[in-house]
Amino acid sequence: MREVYETPLVTRYASKEMAQIFSDDEKFKTWRKLWVALAKSEKELGLNITNEQIEEMGKNIENINYEDAERFEREFRHDVMAHIHAYGLLCPKAKPIIHLGATSAFVDDNTDIILMDRGLQLIEKKLLKAIKVLSEFALKYKDLPTLGYTHFQPAQLTTVGKRACLWIQDLILDLQDLRYRRQNMMLRGVKGTTGTQASFMELFDGDEEKVKELDRLVVEKMGYKKSFPVTGQTYTRKYDFMILSVLSGIAQSAHKFSNDIRLLQHLREIEEPFEEKQIGSSAMAYKRNPMRSERMAALSRYVIVTLLNSSITASNQWFERTLDDSANRRIVIPEMFLATDAILNLYINIASGLKVNEKVIEKNVKRELPFMATEKILMAAVKKGGDRQELHEAIRVYSLKAAEEVKNGEDNRLLEYIKQDKRFGLSHEEILDLTDPRKFTGRSANQVKEFIEDHVRPLLDGIEDIEVKVEV
């Protein structure tokens, strides 16, 4: 056993790739890249900074001296100042100009946005993979009739593939939301201690154009096109909520999918993957629990609920900033990304290995379809000269009898009663034709084909091979 607590999100659920994005190494390397970008931009705009100083900083971006930083933090009780001094030990020539004119939020806030953006990139890849896998499943079962359920009560027939399109559509909405956020991603930029850029106005002797250009240059050097037009000391924490809402949306879609799979597995119609040596229960050896879907539901619930933290944080900031956001965001942002990553790993794994039990689905359809077919049978019998009111009463009586028998565990014999009643004048073949399940699924099969062709394939075009590491 390990001696200290480690979050299961890293040790058990999320991918190593996502864990690395939110690692200390990536955080502090990004801080140093920002300091280099700031120094380069300040030099370009005329400040007394040498190429030698910038080269020294550049060579030590990845050489994080953690022991020095930890020692300084114990002394200063300030993480950014600790890392400025630690970086300065490695870059003695550049030490006087590191972080020149900036405030802590310059590295903290810009880094948080950059890492969230990288997290969204990975999430986007996995969303596309889940959509791809589900679309293949939907096409394969586009015309397999199955009971629809409203209120978890048997309703009109749909198809297995059509139901899968409902799952896909939710993920497409999430993908559109994610892409919108990424396309409009803004850094905090270079704004100073309370967002007024006063320190940079001092550095550039009141030259506003140079101060504005400094902001633009640093943002550009970090690979972005725009920054917040105005900030306090920090960018508005509402932005965290907006980005993390994308993750909550994905979790909502995944939770809905996981619920459907758990219910379908209870019905024995569709089952999640189950490995040869997998154990369903420590006591009940025969059990085949939907544990992956249950885990997905658990992690999704965590993401959905955790979003509330960013809502409260955004609404509780005072004026230009308070520090009650810091500890909360250190936990909430990485963990929501790690959990969403784990959710999509599960989604891809489950969707790739769904087992469809067609005979069970057919049996369940046959149990309920006779009741649904009575209107068609009534119309066909009337066309043959039957008395509509008399036949309606007969169907009512037979339906009640058959329903009672089904509740007692017997087969549905409604069609047999109708076939034996000469008043209907319908042959066995005619009744079979009238109760063909495929005639009760409407446009389901064509809806699947059209949906995949018009809405899914354009998303996947140009993406040669969506490869993601799936760890379950």
Protein backbone atom coordinates (compact mmCIF):
# COMPACT_ATOMS: atom_id res chain seq x y z
CA MET A 1 0.00 0.00 0.00
CA ARG A 2 1.19 3.52 -0.74
CA GLU A 3 1.76 5.72 2.28
CA VAL A 4 -0.20 8.78 1.14
CA TYR A 5 -3.49 9.35 -0.65
CA GLU A 6 -3.36 9.50 -4.45
CA THR A 7 -6.42 10.45 -6.46
CA PRO A 8 -8.01 7.48 -8.26
CA LEU A 9 -8.58 9.81 -11.20
CA VAL A 10 -4.85 9.46 -11.93
CA THR A 11 -4.09 6.00 -10.55
CA ARG A 12 -7.24 4.27 -11.79
CA TYR A 13 -9.39 6.12 -14.31
CA ALA A 14 -7.93 8.86 -16.53
CA SER A 15 -5.37 8.40 -19.30
CA LYS A 16 -1.70 9.17 -18.73
CA GLU A 17 -1.94 11.73 -21.53
CA MET A 18 -4.55 13.79 -19.68
CA ALA A 19 -2.72 13.40 -16.37
CA GLN A 20 0.44 14.75 -18.04
CA ILE A 21 -1.39 17.82 -19.36
CA PHE A 22 -2.27 18.85 -15.81
CA SER A 23 1.04 17.75 -14.28
CA ASP A 24 3.40 20.03 -12.38
CA ASP A 25 5.93 19.68 -15.20
CA GLU A 26 3.53 21.07 -17.80
CA LYS A 27 2.35 23.81 -15.49
CA PHE A 28 5.80 25.10 -14.61
CA LYS A 29 7.21 24.68 -18.11
CA THR A 30 4.33 26.80 -19.36
CA TRP A 31 5.08 29.43 -16.70
CA ARG A 32 8.65 29.61 -18.02
CA LYS A 33 7.50 29.78 -21.65
CA LEU A 34 5.33 32.74 -20.67
CA TRP A 35 8.26 34.46 -18.97
CA VAL A 36 10.37 33.93 -22.10
CA ALA A 37 7.57 35.25 -24.34
CA LEU A 38 7.24 38.31 -22.07
CA ALA A 39 10.99 39.01 -22.12
CA LYS A 40 11.24 38.58 -25.90
CA SER A 41 8.29 40.90 -26.48
CA GLU A 42 9.60 43.52 -24.06
CA LYS A 43 12.98 43.42 -25.84
CA GLU A 44 11.30 43.79 -29.25
CA LEU A 45 9.53 46.89 -27.95
CA GLY A 46 12.74 48.52 -26.77
CA LEU A 47 13.40 47.48 -23.15
CA ASN A 48 16.98 46.79 -22.10
CA ILE A 49 16.92 43.01 -22.33
CA THR A 50 19.71 41.09 -24.08
CA ASN A 51 19.65 38.07 -26.37
CA GLU A 52 21.98 36.35 -23.91
CA GLN A 53 19.41 36.69 -21.12
CA ILE A 54 16.64 35.31 -23.33
CA GLU A 55 18.81 32.40 -24.51
CA GLU A 56 19.65 31.55 -20.91
CA MET A 57 15.94 31.48 -20.02
CA GLY A 58 15.11 29.40 -23.09
CA LYS A 59 17.70 26.74 -22.27
CA ASN A 60 16.20 26.21 -18.81
CA ILE A 61 12.50 25.98 -19.63
CA GLU A 62 12.36 22.23 -19.01
CA ASN A 63 14.98 22.11 -16.28
CA ILE A 64 12.58 22.54 -13.36
CA ASN A 65 14.56 22.74 -10.09
CA TYR A 66 11.75 21.63 -7.78
CA GLU A 67 13.84 21.42 -4.60
CA ASP A 68 14.87 25.05 -4.91
CA ALA A 69 11.29 26.11 -5.64
CA GLU A 70 9.97 24.21 -2.63
CA ARG A 71 12.62 25.77 -0.40
CA PHE A 72 11.73 29.25 -1.60
CA GLU A 73 8.01 28.61 -1.16
CA ARG A 74 8.50 27.58 2.47
CA GLU A 75 10.27 30.90 2.94
CA PHE A 76 8.03 33.21 0.87
CA ARG A 77 4.67 31.42 1.21
CA HIS A 78 4.11 32.36 -2.44
CA ASP A 79 4.38 29.82 -5.24
CA VAL A 80 4.97 32.20 -8.14
CA MET A 81 7.70 34.14 -6.33
CA ALA A 82 9.26 30.81 -5.34
CA HIS A 83 9.49 29.73 -8.97
CA ILE A 84 10.77 33.13 -10.11
CA HIS A 85 13.65 32.77 -7.67
CA ALA A 86 14.22 29.11 -8.58
CA TYR A 87 14.33 30.05 -12.28
CA GLY A 88 16.69 32.89 -11.40
CA LEU A 89 19.17 30.44 -9.85
CA LEU A 90 19.39 28.66 -13.21
CA CYS A 91 19.43 31.93 -15.16
CA PRO A 92 21.62 34.34 -13.15
CA LYS A 93 22.06 36.73 -16.08
CA ALA A 94 18.33 36.87 -16.76
CA LYS A 95 17.30 36.99 -13.10
CA PRO A 96 16.79 40.80 -13.01
CA ILE A 97 14.29 40.79 -15.88
CA ILE A 98 12.27 37.60 -15.21
CA HIS A 99 8.57 38.49 -14.68
CA LEU A 100 9.32 42.16 -15.45
CA GLY A 101 6.18 44.26 -14.91
CA ALA A 102 3.96 41.21 -14.44
CA THR A 103 1.76 39.95 -11.64
CA SER A 104 1.28 36.35 -10.53
CA ALA A 105 -1.91 36.03 -12.57
CA PHE A 106 0.17 36.54 -15.71
CA VAL A 107 1.59 33.02 -15.38
CA ASP A 108 -1.21 31.46 -13.34
CA ASP A 109 -4.16 32.53 -15.48
CA ASN A 110 -2.58 32.25 -18.90
CA THR A 111 -1.27 28.79 -18.02
CA ASP A 112 -4.65 27.61 -16.78
CA ILE A 113 -6.27 28.60 -20.08
CA ILE A 114 -3.50 27.00 -22.15
CA LEU A 115 -3.75 23.71 -20.23
CA MET A 116 -7.55 23.70 -20.45
CA ASP A 117 -7.24 24.24 -24.19
CA ARG A 118 -4.88 21.28 -24.47
CA GLY A 119 -7.28 19.23 -22.38
CA LEU A 120 -10.13 20.14 -24.73
CA GLN A 121 -8.01 19.04 -27.70
CA LEU A 122 -7.68 15.56 -26.18
CA ILE A 123 -11.35 15.49 -25.24
CA GLU A 124 -12.26 16.42 -28.83
CA LYS A 125 -10.29 13.46 -30.21
CA LYS A 126 -12.10 11.10 -27.88
CA LEU A 127 -15.50 12.60 -28.63
CA LEU A 128 -14.89 12.01 -32.33
CA LYS A 129 -13.81 8.43 -31.63
CA ALA A 130 -16.97 7.75 -29.63
CA ILE A 131 -19.10 9.26 -32.41
CA LYS A 132 -17.30 7.15 -35.03
CA VAL A 133 -17.74 3.89 -33.11
CA LEU A 134 -21.41 4.58 -32.37
CA SER A 135 -22.13 5.52 -36.00
CA GLU A 136 -20.76 2.15 -37.15
CA PHE A 137 -23.00 0.46 -34.60
CA ALA A 138 -26.02 2.51 -35.72
CA LEU A 139 -25.56 1.59 -39.37
CA LYS A 140 -25.12 -2.09 -38.56
CA TYR A 141 -28.42 -2.22 -36.65
CA LYS A 142 -30.31 0.50 -38.52
CA ASP A 143 -33.25 -1.78 -39.41
CA LEU A 144 -33.35 -4.13 -36.40
CA PRO A 145 -36.78 -3.53 -34.81
CA THR A 146 -36.83 -3.10 -31.06
CA LEU A 147 -39.32 -1.92 -28.51
CA GLY A 148 -39.30 1.80 -27.93
CA TYR A 149 -39.81 2.86 -24.33
CA THR A 150 -41.46 5.95 -22.96
CA HIS A 151 -41.58 6.18 -19.16
CA PHE A 152 -39.76 2.80 -19.39
CA GLN A 153 -43.06 1.34 -20.57
CA PRO A 154 -43.29 -0.40 -23.98
CA ALA A 155 -44.12 2.09 -26.72
CA GLN A 156 -44.07 2.11 -30.53
CA LEU A 157 -41.23 0.25 -32.16
CA THR A 158 -37.97 1.91 -33.14
CA THR A 159 -34.74 0.27 -34.29
CA VAL A 160 -31.55 -0.43 -32.39
CA GLY A 161 -29.65 1.81 -34.81
CA LYS A 162 -32.14 4.66 -34.53
CA ARG A 163 -31.80 4.65 -30.74
CA ALA A 164 -28.00 4.81 -31.11
CA CYS A 165 -28.46 7.97 -33.19
CA LEU A 166 -29.98 9.64 -30.14
CA TRP A 167 -26.74 8.98 -28.27
CA ILE A 168 -24.66 10.22 -31.20
CA GLN A 169 -26.68 13.42 -31.54
CA ASP A 170 -26.02 14.32 -27.90
CA LEU A 171 -22.28 13.88 -28.47
CA ILE A 172 -22.41 16.01 -31.63
CA LEU A 173 -24.02 18.83 -29.66
CA ASP A 174 -21.21 18.51 -27.12
CA LEU A 175 -18.63 18.55 -29.91
CA GLN A 176 -20.13 21.72 -31.40
CA ASP A 177 -20.04 23.38 -27.97
CA LEU A 178 -16.42 22.32 -27.45
CA ARG A 179 -15.33 23.58 -30.87
CA TYR A 180 -17.03 26.91 -30.31
CA ARG A 181 -15.13 27.36 -27.06
CA ARG A 182 -11.82 26.39 -28.63
CA GLN A 183 -12.32 28.63 -31.65
CA ASN A 184 -12.95 31.57 -29.31
CA MET A 185 -10.27 30.75 -26.75
CA MET A 186 -8.73 33.85 -25.18
CA LEU A 187 -5.68 34.21 -22.97
CA ARG A 188 -5.64 36.63 -20.05
CA GLY A 189 -2.79 38.39 -21.75
CA VAL A 190 -0.53 41.04 -20.16
CA LYS A 191 -2.75 43.21 -17.98
CA GLY A 192 -0.88 44.05 -14.77
CA THR A 193 -1.92 43.87 -11.16
CA THR A 194 -5.50 45.12 -11.37
CA GLY A 195 -5.97 44.90 -15.11
CA THR A 196 -5.02 48.53 -15.80
CA GLN A 197 -1.56 47.75 -17.30
CA ALA A 198 -0.19 50.55 -15.12
CA SER A 199 3.15 48.76 -14.48
CA PHE A 200 3.73 48.39 -18.21
CA MET A 201 2.83 52.03 -18.77
CA GLU A 202 5.70 52.81 -16.38
CA LEU A 203 8.09 50.48 -18.22
CA PHE A 204 7.27 52.02 -21.60
CA ASP A 205 7.16 55.65 -20.39
CA GLY A 206 3.45 56.05 -20.97
CA ASP A 207 3.47 54.71 -24.54
CA GLU A 208 0.02 53.11 -24.76
CA GLU A 209 0.60 51.67 -28.22
CA LYS A 210 3.63 49.74 -27.00
CA VAL A 211 1.69 48.45 -24.00
CA LYS A 212 -1.11 47.26 -26.27
CA GLU A 213 1.42 45.70 -28.65
CA LEU A 214 3.09 43.90 -25.74
CA ASP A 215 -0.19 42.17 -24.94
CA ARG A 216 -0.65 41.17 -28.58
CA LEU A 217 2.94 39.93 -29.01
CA VAL A 218 2.92 37.72 -25.90
CA VAL A 219 -0.42 36.19 -26.82
CA GLU A 220 0.81 35.54 -30.37
CA LYS A 221 4.04 33.96 -29.16
CA MET A 222 2.00 31.56 -27.02
CA GLY A 223 0.05 30.47 -30.11
CA TYR A 224 -3.19 32.41 -29.64
CA LYS A 225 -4.96 35.18 -31.54
CA LYS A 226 -6.67 37.17 -28.83
CA SER A 227 -6.81 38.03 -25.16
CA PHE A 228 -9.53 39.33 -22.88
CA PRO A 229 -10.14 42.99 -23.72
CA VAL A 230 -10.45 43.82 -20.01
CA THR A 231 -9.58 41.96 -16.82
CA GLY A 232 -9.19 42.58 -13.14
CA GLN A 233 -6.13 40.98 -11.64
CA THR A 234 -7.52 37.75 -13.07
CA TYR A 235 -9.65 36.95 -16.08
CA THR A 236 -13.30 36.61 -15.19
CA ARG A 237 -13.93 33.30 -13.45
CA LYS A 238 -17.10 33.07 -15.48
CA TYR A 239 -14.81 31.84 -18.27
CA ASP A 240 -13.88 28.76 -16.22
CA PHE A 241 -17.57 28.00 -15.87
CA MET A 242 -18.09 28.35 -19.62
CA ILE A 243 -15.26 25.97 -20.48
CA LEU A 244 -16.08 23.47 -17.74
CA SER A 245 -19.73 23.53 -18.83
CA VAL A 246 -18.58 21.74 -21.97
CA LEU A 247 -17.30 18.92 -19.78
CA SER A 248 -20.52 18.84 -17.81
CA GLY A 249 -22.43 18.57 -21.08
CA ILE A 250 -20.34 15.57 -22.13
CA ALA A 251 -20.92 13.99 -18.72
CA GLN A 252 -24.67 14.50 -19.09
CA SER A 253 -24.64 12.77 -22.49
CA ALA A 254 -22.52 9.93 -21.16
CA HIS A 255 -24.72 9.47 -18.10
CA LYS A 256 -27.80 9.16 -20.31
CA PHE A 257 -26.01 6.57 -22.48
CA SER A 258 -24.85 4.62 -19.44
CA ASN A 259 -28.36 4.57 -18.00
CA ASP A 260 -29.77 3.25 -21.27
CA ILE A 261 -27.15 0.49 -21.44
CA ARG A 262 -27.78 -0.52 -17.82
CA LEU A 263 -31.52 -0.76 -18.47
CA LEU A 264 -31.00 -2.66 -21.73
CA GLN A 265 -28.65 -5.06 -19.97
CA HIS A 266 -31.35 -5.67 -17.35
CA LEU A 267 -33.71 -6.49 -20.23
CA ARG A 268 -30.95 -8.72 -21.66
CA GLU A 269 -31.33 -6.96 -25.02
CA ILE A 270 -27.91 -5.29 -25.22
CA GLU A 271 -24.91 -5.89 -22.96
CA GLU A 272 -21.68 -4.03 -22.37
CA PRO A 273 -18.39 -5.89 -22.98
CA PHE A 274 -17.61 -8.64 -20.50
CA GLU A 275 -14.19 -10.26 -20.57
CA GLU A 276 -13.56 -13.98 -20.33
CA LYS A 277 -12.14 -13.91 -16.79
CA GLN A 278 -14.10 -10.89 -15.55
CA ILE A 279 -15.90 -11.40 -12.22
CA GLY A 280 -19.32 -9.85 -11.83
CA SER A 281 -19.74 -10.45 -8.11
CA SER A 282 -17.53 -11.78 -5.33
CA ALA A 283 -20.49 -13.74 -3.93
CA MET A 284 -22.77 -14.43 -6.90
CA ALA A 285 -20.53 -16.07 -9.48
CA TYR A 286 -23.23 -16.13 -12.17
CA LYS A 287 -23.65 -12.34 -12.23
CA ARG A 288 -22.74 -10.15 -15.19
CA ASN A 289 -22.99 -6.64 -13.82
CA PRO A 290 -22.76 -3.59 -16.13
CA MET A 291 -19.85 -2.26 -14.11
CA ARG A 292 -18.35 -0.11 -16.87
CA SER A 293 -21.62 1.70 -17.45
CA GLU A 294 -22.03 2.08 -13.69
CA ARG A 295 -18.54 3.55 -13.43
CA MET A 296 -19.37 5.91 -16.27
CA ALA A 297 -22.49 7.03 -14.40
CA ALA A 298 -20.50 7.56 -11.20
CA LEU A 299 -17.80 9.65 -12.88
CA SER A 300 -20.39 11.59 -14.89
CA ARG A 301 -22.25 12.47 -11.72
CA TYR A 302 -18.98 13.72 -10.24
CA VAL A 303 -18.35 16.03 -13.21
CA ILE A 304 -21.93 17.32 -13.31
CA VAL A 305 -21.92 18.15 -9.60
CA THR A 306 -18.39 19.61 -9.58
CA LEU A 307 -19.41 22.24 -12.15
CA LEU A 308 -21.31 23.92 -9.31
CA ASN A 309 -17.95 24.86 -7.78
CA SER A 310 -17.03 27.05 -10.74
CA SER A 311 -20.48 28.66 -10.68
CA ILE A 312 -20.08 29.65 -7.05
CA THR A 313 -16.48 30.75 -7.57
CA ALA A 314 -17.45 33.02 -10.48
CA SER A 315 -20.28 34.61 -8.54
CA ASN A 316 -18.22 35.19 -5.40
CA GLN A 317 -15.29 37.17 -6.77
CA TRP A 318 -14.94 40.66 -5.26
CA PHE A 319 -14.03 43.64 -7.45
CA GLU A 320 -10.69 43.01 -9.20
CA ARG A 321 -10.09 39.68 -7.40
CA THR A 322 -10.10 37.66 -4.19
CA LEU A 323 -8.02 34.59 -3.46
CA ASP A 324 -10.87 32.30 -2.45
CA ASP A 325 -10.88 31.01 -6.02
CA SER A 326 -7.32 29.66 -6.00
CA ALA A 327 -7.47 26.48 -3.91
CA ASN A 328 -10.83 25.57 -5.40
CA ARG A 329 -9.64 25.95 -9.00
CA ARG A 330 -6.46 23.93 -8.37
CA ILE A 331 -8.71 20.96 -7.63
CA VAL A 332 -11.79 21.54 -9.77
CA ILE A 333 -10.21 22.26 -13.15
CA PRO A 334 -7.79 19.30 -13.38
CA GLU A 335 -10.22 16.85 -11.81
CA MET A 336 -13.09 17.73 -14.14
CA PHE A 337 -10.79 17.18 -17.12
CA LEU A 338 -9.39 13.93 -15.72
CA ALA A 339 -12.87 12.60 -14.94
CA THR A 340 -14.25 13.56 -18.37
CA ASP A 341 -11.28 11.88 -20.01
CA ALA A 342 -12.04 8.71 -18.02
CA ILE A 343 -15.72 8.92 -18.99
CA LEU A 344 -14.87 9.03 -22.69
CA ASN A 345 -12.40 6.16 -22.31
CA LEU A 346 -15.29 4.12 -20.95
CA TYR A 347 -17.69 5.38 -23.61
CA ILE A 348 -15.37 4.27 -26.43
CA ASN A 349 -14.70 0.92 -24.78
CA ILE A 350 -18.37 0.12 -24.18
CA ALA A 351 -19.57 1.32 -27.59
CA SER A 352 -16.83 -0.70 -29.32
CA GLY A 353 -17.93 -3.95 -27.70
CA LEU A 354 -21.71 -3.81 -27.32
CA LYS A 355 -23.33 -7.23 -27.60
CA VAL A 356 -26.78 -7.20 -29.22
CA ASN A 357 -28.97 -10.17 -28.29
CA GLU A 358 -31.28 -10.22 -31.31
CA LYS A 359 -33.37 -13.19 -30.17
CA VAL A 360 -34.19 -11.51 -26.87
CA ILE A 361 -35.11 -8.30 -28.68
CA GLU A 362 -37.34 -10.27 -31.06
CA LYS A 363 -39.02 -12.07 -28.16
CA ASN A 364 -39.75 -8.79 -26.38
CA VAL A 365 -41.17 -7.31 -29.57
CA LYS A 366 -43.42 -10.32 -30.11
CA ARG A 367 -44.72 -9.99 -26.56
CA GLU A 368 -45.93 -6.41 -27.10
CA LEU A 369 -46.44 -6.01 -30.84
CA PRO A 370 -49.86 -7.73 -31.05
CA PHE A 371 -51.38 -4.93 -28.95
CA MET A 372 -49.81 -2.28 -31.18
CA ALA A 373 -50.99 -4.05 -34.34
CA THR A 374 -54.68 -4.12 -33.41
CA GLU A 375 -55.49 -0.87 -35.24
CA LYS A 376 -54.00 -2.19 -38.48
CA ILE A 377 -55.83 -5.49 -38.03
CA LEU A 378 -59.10 -3.66 -37.38
CA MET A 379 -58.76 -1.54 -40.53
CA ALA A 380 -57.86 -4.57 -42.68
CA ALA A 381 -60.84 -6.55 -41.36
CA VAL A 382 -63.24 -3.66 -41.96
CA LYS A 383 -61.98 -3.38 -45.55
CA LYS A 384 -62.98 -7.02 -45.97
CA GLY A 385 -66.53 -6.21 -44.92
CA GLY A 386 -66.38 -6.58 -41.15
CA ASP A 387 -68.44 -4.52 -38.71
CA ARG A 388 -66.10 -1.94 -37.20
CA GLN A 389 -67.90 -1.62 -33.86
CA GLU A 390 -68.31 -5.37 -33.42
CA LEU A 391 -64.65 -6.06 -34.26
CA HIS A 392 -63.46 -3.23 -31.98
CA GLU A 393 -65.31 -4.82 -29.06
CA ALA A 394 -63.84 -8.23 -29.90
CA ILE A 395 -60.32 -6.78 -29.93
CA ARG A 396 -60.95 -5.06 -26.59
CA VAL A 397 -62.07 -8.33 -24.98
CA TYR A 398 -59.23 -10.38 -26.49
CA SER A 399 -56.65 -7.73 -25.56
CA LEU A 400 -57.67 -7.68 -21.91
CA LYS A 401 -57.56 -11.47 -21.79
CA ALA A 402 -54.17 -11.66 -23.50
CA ALA A 403 -52.74 -8.92 -21.26
CA GLU A 404 -53.80 -10.80 -18.17
CA GLU A 405 -52.17 -13.97 -19.48
CA VAL A 406 -48.92 -12.10 -20.22
CA LYS A 407 -48.91 -10.78 -16.65
CA ASN A 408 -49.20 -14.38 -15.46
CA GLY A 409 -46.07 -15.30 -17.41
CA GLU A 410 -47.80 -16.82 -20.43
CA ASP A 411 -47.16 -16.02 -24.10
CA ASN A 412 -49.14 -13.31 -25.82
CA ARG A 413 -51.96 -15.16 -27.63
CA LEU A 414 -53.88 -12.14 -28.86
CA LEU A 415 -53.15 -12.89 -32.53
CA GLU A 416 -54.30 -16.48 -32.10
CA TYR A 417 -57.65 -15.31 -30.72
CA ILE A 418 -58.10 -12.93 -33.65
CA LYS A 419 -57.06 -15.55 -36.20
CA GLN A 420 -59.59 -18.02 -34.81
CA ASP A 421 -62.41 -15.47 -34.90
CA LYS A 422 -64.04 -15.82 -38.33
CA ARG A 423 -65.60 -12.35 -38.03
CA PHE A 424 -62.19 -10.84 -38.86
CA GLY A 425 -61.86 -12.87 -42.07
CA LEU A 426 -58.05 -12.72 -42.00
CA SER A 427 -55.75 -15.61 -42.92
CA HIS A 428 -52.65 -16.60 -40.98
CA GLU A 429 -50.44 -15.11 -43.74
CA GLU A 430 -52.37 -11.85 -43.75
CA ILE A 431 -52.04 -11.49 -39.97
CA LEU A 432 -48.30 -12.22 -40.16
CA ASP A 433 -47.92 -9.56 -42.84
CA LEU A 434 -49.90 -7.05 -40.80
CA THR A 435 -47.70 -7.71 -37.76
CA ASP A 436 -44.31 -7.66 -39.46
CA PRO A 437 -42.19 -5.61 -36.97
CA ARG A 438 -40.41 -3.79 -39.79
CA LYS A 439 -43.70 -2.14 -40.75
CA PHE A 440 -43.92 -0.53 -37.32
CA THR A 441 -40.58 1.30 -37.27
CA GLY A 442 -41.57 4.19 -39.53
CA ARG A 443 -38.59 5.92 -41.13
CA SER A 444 -36.12 4.64 -38.57
CA ALA A 445 -33.74 2.89 -40.98
CA ASN A 446 -33.67 5.79 -43.42
CA GLN A 447 -33.36 8.29 -40.59
CA VAL A 448 -30.20 6.47 -39.50
CA LYS A 449 -28.71 6.53 -43.00
CA GLU A 450 -29.57 10.19 -43.52
CA PHE A 451 -28.32 11.23 -40.09
CA ILE A 452 -24.99 9.45 -40.50
CA GLU A 453 -24.55 10.74 -44.06
CA ASP A 454 -25.60 14.34 -43.42
CA HIS A 455 -24.43 14.98 -39.87
CA VAL A 456 -21.81 12.44 -38.82
CA ARG A 457 -19.67 11.79 -41.90
CA PRO A 458 -18.85 15.50 -42.40
CA LEU A 459 -17.41 15.53 -38.88
CA LEU A 460 -15.21 12.53 -39.59
CA ASP A 461 -14.10 13.51 -43.11
CA GLY A 462 -10.46 14.51 -43.25
CA ILE A 463 -9.68 12.73 -40.00
CA GLU A 464 -7.66 9.82 -41.31
CA ASP A 465 -7.57 7.65 -38.23
CA ILE A 466 -8.86 8.68 -34.84
CA GLU A 467 -6.55 6.83 -32.51
CA VAL A 468 -6.86 7.28 -28.76
CA LYS A 469 -5.51 5.33 -25.84
CA VAL A 470 -8.39 3.65 -24.05
CA GLU A 471 -7.64 2.64 -20.47
CA VAL A 472 -10.47 1.00 -18.55
